[in-house]
Protein backbone atom coordinates (compact mmCIF):
# COMPACT_ATOMS: atom_id res chain seq x y z
CA MET A 1 81.36 105.96 100.79
CA SER A 2 85.01 104.99 101.11
CA LYS A 3 88.00 107.22 100.58
CA GLU A 4 89.11 104.75 97.90
CA TYR A 5 86.12 105.83 95.80
CA LEU A 6 87.21 109.46 96.06
CA VAL A 7 90.82 108.56 95.32
CA GLU A 8 89.66 106.80 92.15
CA LEU A 9 87.73 109.90 91.11
CA GLY A 10 90.80 111.99 91.88
CA GLU A 11 93.14 109.77 89.87
CA LYS A 12 90.84 109.83 86.84
CA ALA A 13 90.37 113.61 87.08
CA LYS A 14 94.13 114.14 87.37
CA GLU A 15 94.66 112.09 84.23
CA ALA A 16 91.91 114.00 82.43
CA SER A 17 93.49 117.30 83.48
CA ARG A 18 96.50 116.45 81.33
CA PHE A 19 94.16 116.35 78.34
CA THR A 20 92.46 119.62 79.27
CA ALA A 21 95.79 121.38 79.85
CA MET A 22 96.97 120.57 76.34
CA CYS A 23 93.58 121.05 74.66
CA ASP A 24 93.66 123.83 72.04
CA THR A 25 91.10 126.61 71.93
CA LYS A 26 89.24 125.25 68.91
CA THR A 27 88.75 121.82 70.49
CA LYS A 28 87.58 123.26 73.81
CA ASN A 29 85.10 125.57 72.13
CA GLU A 30 83.67 122.84 69.91
CA LEU A 31 83.21 120.50 72.87
CA LEU A 32 81.53 123.23 74.92
CA ILE A 33 79.06 123.99 72.12
CA LYS A 34 78.30 120.29 71.71
CA CYS A 35 77.65 120.05 75.44
CA ALA A 36 75.36 123.09 75.21
CA ASN A 37 73.41 121.46 72.39
CA ALA A 38 73.21 118.23 74.38
CA LEU A 39 71.59 120.10 77.26
CA ARG A 40 68.92 121.37 74.90
CA GLU A 41 68.39 117.95 73.34
CA HIS A 42 67.99 116.30 76.75
CA SER A 43 66.02 119.08 78.44
CA SER A 44 62.86 116.96 78.83
CA TYR A 45 64.87 114.21 80.51
CA ILE A 46 66.60 116.68 82.84
CA LEU A 47 63.32 118.41 83.75
CA GLU A 48 61.67 115.07 84.51
CA ILE A 49 64.52 114.15 86.86
CA ASN A 50 64.48 117.64 88.41
CA SER A 51 60.77 117.29 89.17
CA GLU A 52 61.60 114.25 91.32
CA ASP A 53 64.13 116.28 93.31
CA LEU A 54 61.57 119.07 93.73
CA ILE A 55 58.87 116.70 94.98
CA ASN A 56 61.28 115.24 97.55
CA ALA A 57 62.40 118.71 98.67
CA GLU A 58 58.78 119.85 99.11
CA LYS A 59 58.03 116.74 101.16
CA ALA A 60 61.06 117.58 103.31
CA GLY A 61 59.50 120.98 104.06
CA ARG A 62 62.00 123.11 102.17
CA LYS A 63 61.13 126.81 101.87
CA LYS A 64 59.96 128.55 98.72
CA ALA A 65 63.28 130.32 98.11
CA PHE A 66 65.16 127.02 98.41
CA LEU A 67 62.80 125.38 95.93
CA ASP A 68 63.39 128.28 93.54
CA ARG A 69 67.15 127.63 93.66
CA LEU A 70 66.57 123.93 93.03
CA ALA A 71 64.01 124.24 90.25
CA LEU A 72 64.89 124.06 86.58
CA SER A 73 62.71 125.13 83.67
CA GLU A 74 63.06 125.20 79.90
CA LYS A 75 64.32 128.78 80.25
CA ARG A 76 66.87 127.92 82.93
CA ILE A 77 68.20 125.01 80.88
CA GLU A 78 68.40 127.31 77.89
CA ASP A 79 70.29 129.81 80.07
CA MET A 80 72.71 127.03 81.06
CA ALA A 81 73.25 126.10 77.41
CA SER A 82 73.67 129.76 76.45
CA GLY A 83 76.16 130.14 79.28
CA LEU A 84 78.31 127.33 77.86
CA LYS A 85 78.14 128.95 74.42
CA GLU A 86 79.15 132.31 75.90
CA VAL A 87 82.12 130.68 77.67
CA ALA A 88 83.13 129.13 74.34
CA GLU A 89 83.10 132.60 72.77
CA LEU A 90 85.34 134.10 75.46
CA PRO A 91 89.10 134.41 74.88
CA ASN A 92 91.08 131.40 76.04
CA PRO A 93 93.05 132.51 79.13
CA VAL A 94 95.50 129.61 79.00
CA GLY A 95 98.88 130.56 77.56
CA GLU A 96 98.46 134.33 77.99
CA ILE A 97 101.83 135.97 78.61
CA LEU A 98 101.76 138.50 81.46
CA GLY A 99 104.75 140.62 80.64
CA MET A 100 108.32 139.76 79.71
CA LYS A 101 111.37 141.70 80.82
CA THR A 102 115.07 141.39 80.11
CA MET A 103 117.28 141.20 83.19
CA PRO A 104 120.74 142.82 83.39
CA ASN A 105 122.35 139.43 82.78
CA GLY A 106 120.40 138.95 79.55
CA MET A 107 117.81 136.45 80.83
CA ILE A 108 114.22 137.10 79.73
CA VAL A 109 111.73 136.57 82.56
CA GLY A 110 107.95 136.57 82.32
CA GLN A 111 104.76 134.96 83.53
CA LYS A 112 102.37 132.69 81.69
CA ARG A 113 98.77 131.90 82.58
CA VAL A 114 98.30 128.14 83.06
CA PRO A 115 95.55 125.77 84.26
CA MET A 116 95.02 124.91 87.91
CA GLY A 117 94.80 121.19 87.14
CA VAL A 118 91.86 119.66 89.01
CA ILE A 119 89.29 121.98 90.56
CA GLY A 120 86.88 120.65 93.17
CA VAL A 121 83.56 122.43 93.59
CA ILE A 122 81.28 121.78 96.57
CA PHE A 123 77.88 123.43 96.25
CA GLU A 124 74.33 123.11 97.45
CA ALA A 125 70.93 123.41 95.80
CA ARG A 126 71.49 125.13 92.44
CA PRO A 127 71.83 122.61 89.56
CA ASN A 128 72.89 125.33 87.13
CA VAL A 129 76.19 125.45 89.04
CA THR A 130 76.91 121.99 87.63
CA SER A 131 76.92 123.38 84.10
CA ASP A 132 78.66 126.67 84.91
CA ALA A 133 81.44 124.97 86.87
CA PHE A 134 82.12 122.39 84.18
CA GLY A 135 82.18 124.97 81.38
CA LEU A 136 84.42 127.46 83.14
CA CYS A 137 86.86 124.90 84.52
CA PHE A 138 87.19 123.18 81.14
CA LYS A 139 87.71 126.44 79.24
CA ALA A 140 90.34 127.36 81.85
CA GLY A 141 92.13 124.10 81.06
CA SER A 142 91.18 122.11 84.17
CA ALA A 143 89.19 119.01 85.02
CA THR A 144 86.57 119.32 87.74
CA ILE A 145 85.12 117.14 90.48
CA LEU A 146 81.68 118.31 91.57
CA ARG A 147 79.88 117.59 94.81
CA GLY A 148 76.36 118.99 95.05
CA GLY A 149 73.76 118.83 97.79
CA SER A 150 71.55 115.82 98.46
CA GLU A 151 68.36 117.61 97.35
CA ALA A 152 69.74 118.09 93.82
CA LEU A 153 71.57 114.78 93.46
CA LYS A 154 69.35 113.28 90.76
CA THR A 155 69.35 116.49 88.72
CA ASN A 156 73.12 116.96 89.01
CA SER A 157 73.69 113.34 88.02
CA ALA A 158 71.49 113.78 84.95
CA ILE A 159 73.37 116.90 83.83
CA VAL A 160 76.82 115.39 84.43
CA ASN A 161 75.82 112.20 82.58
CA VAL A 162 74.80 114.29 79.57
CA PHE A 163 78.18 116.04 79.61
CA ARG A 164 80.21 112.85 80.12
CA LYS A 165 78.47 111.05 77.25
CA THR A 166 78.91 114.04 74.95
CA LEU A 167 82.62 114.27 75.77
CA LYS A 168 83.16 110.54 75.28
CA ASP A 169 81.19 110.46 72.00
CA ASN A 170 83.45 113.21 70.68
CA GLY A 171 86.76 111.60 71.56
CA ALA A 172 87.47 113.47 74.79
CA ASP A 173 88.11 112.07 78.26
CA GLU A 174 84.74 111.83 80.03
CA ASN A 175 86.51 112.34 83.38
CA ILE A 176 86.98 116.00 82.51
CA VAL A 177 83.89 116.29 84.69
CA SER A 178 82.78 113.94 87.45
CA LEU A 179 80.26 114.01 90.27
CA VAL A 180 80.62 112.72 93.82
CA GLU A 181 77.36 110.82 94.15
CA ASP A 182 77.58 110.37 97.90
CA THR A 183 76.21 113.51 99.56
CA ASP A 184 77.07 112.39 103.08
CA TYR A 185 78.71 115.09 105.23
CA GLU A 186 81.72 112.89 106.01
CA THR A 187 82.30 112.24 102.31
CA ALA A 188 82.47 115.97 101.70
CA LYS A 189 85.06 116.29 104.48
CA LYS A 190 87.12 113.49 102.89
CA MET A 191 86.97 115.33 99.57
CA MET A 192 88.41 118.40 101.31
CA CYS A 193 91.53 116.36 102.10
CA LEU A 194 92.28 115.06 98.57
CA ASN A 195 95.20 117.44 98.18
CA LYS A 196 97.13 114.83 96.18
CA TYR A 197 94.56 115.08 93.40
CA ILE A 198 92.57 118.29 93.80
CA ASP A 199 94.60 121.46 93.25
CA VAL A 200 92.04 123.98 94.47
CA LEU A 201 88.63 123.72 96.13
CA ILE A 202 85.76 126.16 95.64
CA PRO A 203 82.84 125.92 98.09
CA ARG A 204 79.55 127.57 97.11
CA GLY A 205 76.77 127.69 99.65
CA SER A 206 75.83 128.45 103.22
CA ALA A 207 77.96 129.79 106.02
CA THR A 208 77.98 126.28 107.48
CA LEU A 209 79.52 124.86 104.30
CA ILE A 210 82.10 127.64 104.05
CA ASN A 211 83.11 127.24 107.70
CA THR A 212 83.42 123.47 107.29
CA VAL A 213 85.85 123.97 104.42
CA VAL A 214 87.82 126.60 106.35
CA GLN A 215 88.15 124.26 109.33
CA ASN A 216 88.80 120.97 107.54
CA SER A 217 90.30 121.42 104.09
CA THR A 218 93.91 120.46 103.38
CA VAL A 219 93.26 121.42 99.75
CA PRO A 220 93.91 125.12 99.04
CA PHE A 221 90.54 126.84 98.63
CA ILE A 222 88.96 130.02 97.36
CA GLU A 223 86.41 131.21 99.88
CA THR A 224 83.10 132.20 98.33
CA GLY A 225 81.38 134.26 100.95
CA VAL A 226 77.98 134.48 102.50
CA GLY A 227 75.96 137.36 101.08
CA ASN A 228 74.65 139.64 103.82
CA CYS A 229 74.16 142.47 101.34
CA HIS A 230 72.99 146.02 102.13
CA VAL A 231 71.21 148.84 100.35
CA TYR A 232 71.61 152.26 101.95
CA VAL A 233 69.17 154.97 100.82
CA ASP A 234 70.93 158.28 101.39
CA GLU A 235 69.08 161.52 102.16
CA SER A 236 69.70 162.82 98.64
CA ALA A 237 68.41 159.68 96.90
CA ASP A 238 65.95 159.71 94.03
CA LEU A 239 63.16 157.94 95.93
CA ASP A 240 61.50 156.36 92.89
CA MET A 241 64.88 154.92 91.89
CA ALA A 242 65.51 153.80 95.46
CA LYS A 243 62.19 151.95 95.61
CA LYS A 244 62.89 150.08 92.36
CA ILE A 245 66.41 149.12 93.48
CA VAL A 246 65.33 147.87 96.90
CA ILE A 247 62.41 145.82 95.56
CA ASN A 248 64.57 144.31 92.82
CA ALA A 249 67.52 143.59 95.11
CA LYS A 250 65.24 141.80 97.62
CA THR A 251 62.60 140.06 95.53
CA GLN A 252 63.97 139.33 92.05
CA ARG A 253 65.56 136.12 93.43
CA PRO A 254 65.63 136.24 97.23
CA GLY A 255 67.38 132.90 97.65
CA VAL A 256 70.68 133.91 96.06
CA CYS A 257 73.80 135.39 97.63
CA ASN A 258 73.56 138.81 95.94
CA ALA A 259 70.03 139.55 97.18
CA CYS A 260 69.63 142.45 99.61
CA GLU A 261 69.21 141.33 103.22
CA THR A 262 69.33 144.70 105.02
CA LEU A 263 67.84 148.07 104.13
CA LEU A 264 69.28 151.23 105.70
CA VAL A 265 67.48 154.56 105.26
CA HIS A 266 68.62 158.04 106.28
CA GLU A 267 66.35 159.19 109.12
CA ARG A 268 65.42 162.36 107.24
CA LEU A 269 63.48 160.06 104.90
CA LYS A 270 61.53 158.31 107.66
CA ASP A 271 58.30 160.11 106.76
CA SER A 272 58.68 160.37 102.98
CA PHE A 273 60.25 157.00 102.11
CA VAL A 274 60.05 154.51 104.99
CA PRO A 275 56.25 153.99 104.87
CA LYS A 276 56.28 153.79 101.07
CA ILE A 277 59.08 151.19 100.78
CA THR A 278 57.78 149.19 103.74
CA LYS A 279 54.32 148.85 102.23
CA ALA A 280 55.84 147.94 98.86
CA LEU A 281 57.96 145.20 100.45
CA LEU A 282 55.00 143.82 102.40
CA GLU A 283 52.86 143.82 99.26
CA ALA A 284 55.63 141.88 97.49
CA GLY A 285 55.38 139.18 100.16
CA VAL A 286 58.47 140.22 102.12
CA GLU A 287 58.52 139.96 105.90
CA VAL A 288 59.97 143.22 107.21
CA ARG A 289 61.89 143.20 110.49
CA GLY A 290 62.57 146.84 111.31
CA ASP A 291 63.33 149.36 114.01
CA LYS A 292 60.77 151.74 115.56
CA ASP A 293 60.67 153.95 112.46
CA PHE A 294 59.60 150.98 110.34
CA GLU A 295 57.13 149.70 112.93
CA VAL A 296 54.81 152.61 112.11
CA VAL A 297 53.56 150.37 109.30
CA THR A 298 51.27 147.54 110.43
CA GLY A 299 52.79 144.10 109.98
CA VAL A 300 56.44 144.99 110.65
CA LYS A 301 58.25 142.93 113.29
CA ARG A 302 60.92 144.42 115.56
CA ALA A 303 64.43 143.66 114.26
CA THR A 304 67.13 142.15 116.46
CA ASP A 305 70.91 142.23 116.22
CA GLU A 306 70.73 138.65 114.98
CA ASP A 307 68.45 139.73 112.13
CA PHE A 308 70.98 142.32 110.98
CA ALA A 309 73.68 139.62 110.98
CA THR A 310 71.62 137.08 109.02
CA GLU A 311 71.65 136.08 105.37
CA PHE A 312 67.98 135.13 105.11
CA GLU A 313 67.95 133.75 101.55
CA ASP A 314 64.19 134.20 101.78
CA TYR A 315 61.40 136.79 101.58
CA ILE A 316 62.67 138.49 104.74
CA ILE A 317 64.54 141.78 105.15
CA SER A 318 65.93 143.63 108.16
CA ALA A 319 65.62 147.41 108.13
CA ARG A 320 66.49 150.49 110.17
CA THR A 321 67.00 154.20 109.85
CA VAL A 322 70.40 155.78 110.46
CA PRO A 323 71.03 159.34 111.64
CA ASN A 324 73.76 160.05 109.10
CA PHE A 325 76.06 158.67 106.42
CA ASP A 326 78.76 157.69 108.94
CA GLU A 327 76.32 155.54 110.91
CA ALA A 328 75.35 153.73 107.69
CA ILE A 329 79.02 153.02 107.00
CA GLU A 330 79.55 151.72 110.55
CA HIS A 331 76.50 149.46 110.35
CA ILE A 332 77.68 147.93 107.09
CA ARG A 333 81.21 147.47 108.39
CA LYS A 334 79.81 145.66 111.43
CA TYR A 335 77.41 143.31 109.67
CA SER A 336 78.44 143.04 106.02
CA THR A 337 80.06 139.82 104.83
CA GLY A 338 82.02 141.73 102.20
CA HIS A 339 79.92 140.52 99.28
CA SER A 340 77.86 143.32 97.70
CA ASP A 341 76.69 146.62 99.17
CA CYS A 342 74.91 149.57 97.56
CA ILE A 343 74.23 153.25 98.14
CA VAL A 344 71.37 155.08 96.45
CA THR A 345 72.32 158.75 96.32
CA GLU A 346 72.44 161.82 94.11
CA ASN A 347 75.33 163.25 96.13
CA TYR A 348 78.69 162.78 94.37
CA THR A 349 80.73 163.10 97.57
CA SER A 350 78.62 160.48 99.36
CA ALA A 351 78.92 158.13 96.39
CA GLN A 352 82.71 158.45 96.31
CA ARG A 353 83.02 158.01 100.07
CA PHE A 354 80.86 154.89 99.92
CA LEU A 355 83.01 153.44 97.14
CA ASN A 356 86.17 154.18 99.11
CA GLU A 357 85.06 153.21 102.61
CA ILE A 358 83.04 150.05 102.01
CA ASP A 359 85.45 147.14 101.66
CA SER A 360 83.28 144.60 99.86
CA SER A 361 84.04 142.64 96.70
CA CYS A 362 81.38 144.63 94.81
CA VAL A 363 80.32 148.16 95.79
CA TYR A 364 77.41 149.79 93.95
CA VAL A 365 76.14 153.31 93.41
CA ASN A 366 72.53 153.48 92.23
CA ALA A 367 72.18 149.89 91.01
CA SER A 368 70.77 146.65 92.38
CA THR A 369 73.12 144.23 94.14
CA ARG A 370 71.57 141.49 92.00
CA PHE A 371 74.07 142.39 89.27
CA THR A 372 76.93 140.70 91.15
CA ASP A 373 77.21 137.91 88.64
CA GLY A 374 79.88 136.84 86.17
CA ASN A 375 77.45 136.89 83.28
CA GLN A 376 76.28 140.42 84.13
CA PHE A 377 79.90 141.58 84.40
CA GLY A 378 80.81 140.21 80.97
CA LEU A 379 82.70 137.14 82.22
CA GLY A 380 80.33 134.64 80.60
CA ALA A 381 79.34 132.38 83.45
CA GLU A 382 81.00 132.46 86.88
CA ILE A 383 81.91 129.81 89.37
CA GLY A 384 81.27 131.85 92.50
CA ILE A 385 81.68 135.20 94.22
CA SER A 386 84.94 135.38 96.15
CA THR A 387 84.93 137.55 99.26
CA GLN A 388 88.55 136.85 100.16
CA LYS A 389 91.39 139.08 99.05
CA LEU A 390 94.03 136.70 97.72
CA HIS A 391 94.15 135.78 94.01
CA ALA A 392 90.45 136.24 93.23
CA ARG A 393 87.80 138.67 94.49
CA GLY A 394 84.24 139.18 93.30
CA PRO A 395 82.76 137.10 90.46
CA MET A 396 85.28 134.46 89.41
CA GLY A 397 85.56 133.91 85.68
CA LEU A 398 88.12 132.21 83.50
CA LYS A 399 91.21 134.15 84.52
CA GLU A 400 90.51 133.61 88.22
CA LEU A 401 90.36 129.85 87.54
CA CYS A 402 93.91 129.86 86.23
CA THR A 403 97.24 130.24 87.97
CA THR A 404 100.55 131.48 86.58
CA LYS A 405 104.06 130.21 86.28
CA TYR A 406 107.29 132.02 85.52
CA ILE A 407 108.96 131.27 82.21
CA ILE A 408 112.63 132.12 81.75
CA PHE A 409 114.68 132.25 78.55
CA GLY A 410 118.42 132.13 78.94
CA SER A 411 121.52 131.86 76.79
CA GLY A 412 123.80 129.93 79.10
CA GLN A 413 123.67 132.19 82.17
CA ILE A 414 124.89 130.73 85.47
CA ARG A 415 124.62 132.30 88.90
CA GLU A 416 128.00 133.33 90.35
């Protein structure tokens, strides 16, 4: 697809962003609720289209975890609609004043939260991102250009068409949300260079996608990181709690970025906990790749360094014992992608050290890493999990989708 096509999308989105920037809270909320209701009304249509994408993905040999990310259901569509309603109920971040101070010369200087303008989102197999991204960007006062993966193209098109028709029928600019319908790799790279029209780019997906953006984008971007997440079971852990956390963090949705990929266990627990958790993981359908202490259980494969560095996004986990707390910290520092890491412990000092020494966007004590989610953190929906350290870090909600500008009130001051 030509660059002219993308430029046209960019021009229309830029024009629509002027509408979104000036849109008052009441109008935004009403439109979001109408879009939520439209999702419910058209759920059968969306599910029918989604089934076509699923059939094609199965024929292409996609794995179970990938198909889970791609699949929609009545419940998932309802969750998407509820997410839009929750975003509508959140405070409008646009226009918030972030402090005002009077300077010695009498000028009053402050900051105001304002929209980004046009936000581009490149993502892969999860159609719910289409709804979340639209809702959050619109509530934050921006238009959005979406580019999903080829496997979900029909589903994403169906969802965006529902939103565009609803916006148009209610007197709003339908180009508040648009979809790049060419999923070719080169088209994505061209989108990364639309800095005249796209103000910020947010990639959501694999390490390959993130690296492509890092290497090619001329549009400023917020890096959403790969999730090589860890659970460390300390020697003082409540073992029943630890088992529940590990199983949940690995199996509740293994194909998402906040799922546990590596289990670390204090070696003093190799007899009391390692066999128990290994058998539980195997019974849950998880392939365990462990060190010699885990290999005492039949069916465990020997783990490699590559396994410990891998985000599996599947029913696979790497595992090892560590001789002490410091070794657990060093392992996580070496392999973690800075997304979400957890310690299970009853020792206050160990908990505080873990919180202080692990430099990830979300650090847990005695809770599943699966909670790294904007909805679970009270942000409504979220557009991604940022693992970078500038502007936004962790789940990105409405405030992270805005920028600020200085506003200055004077009374005739001039600089001498």
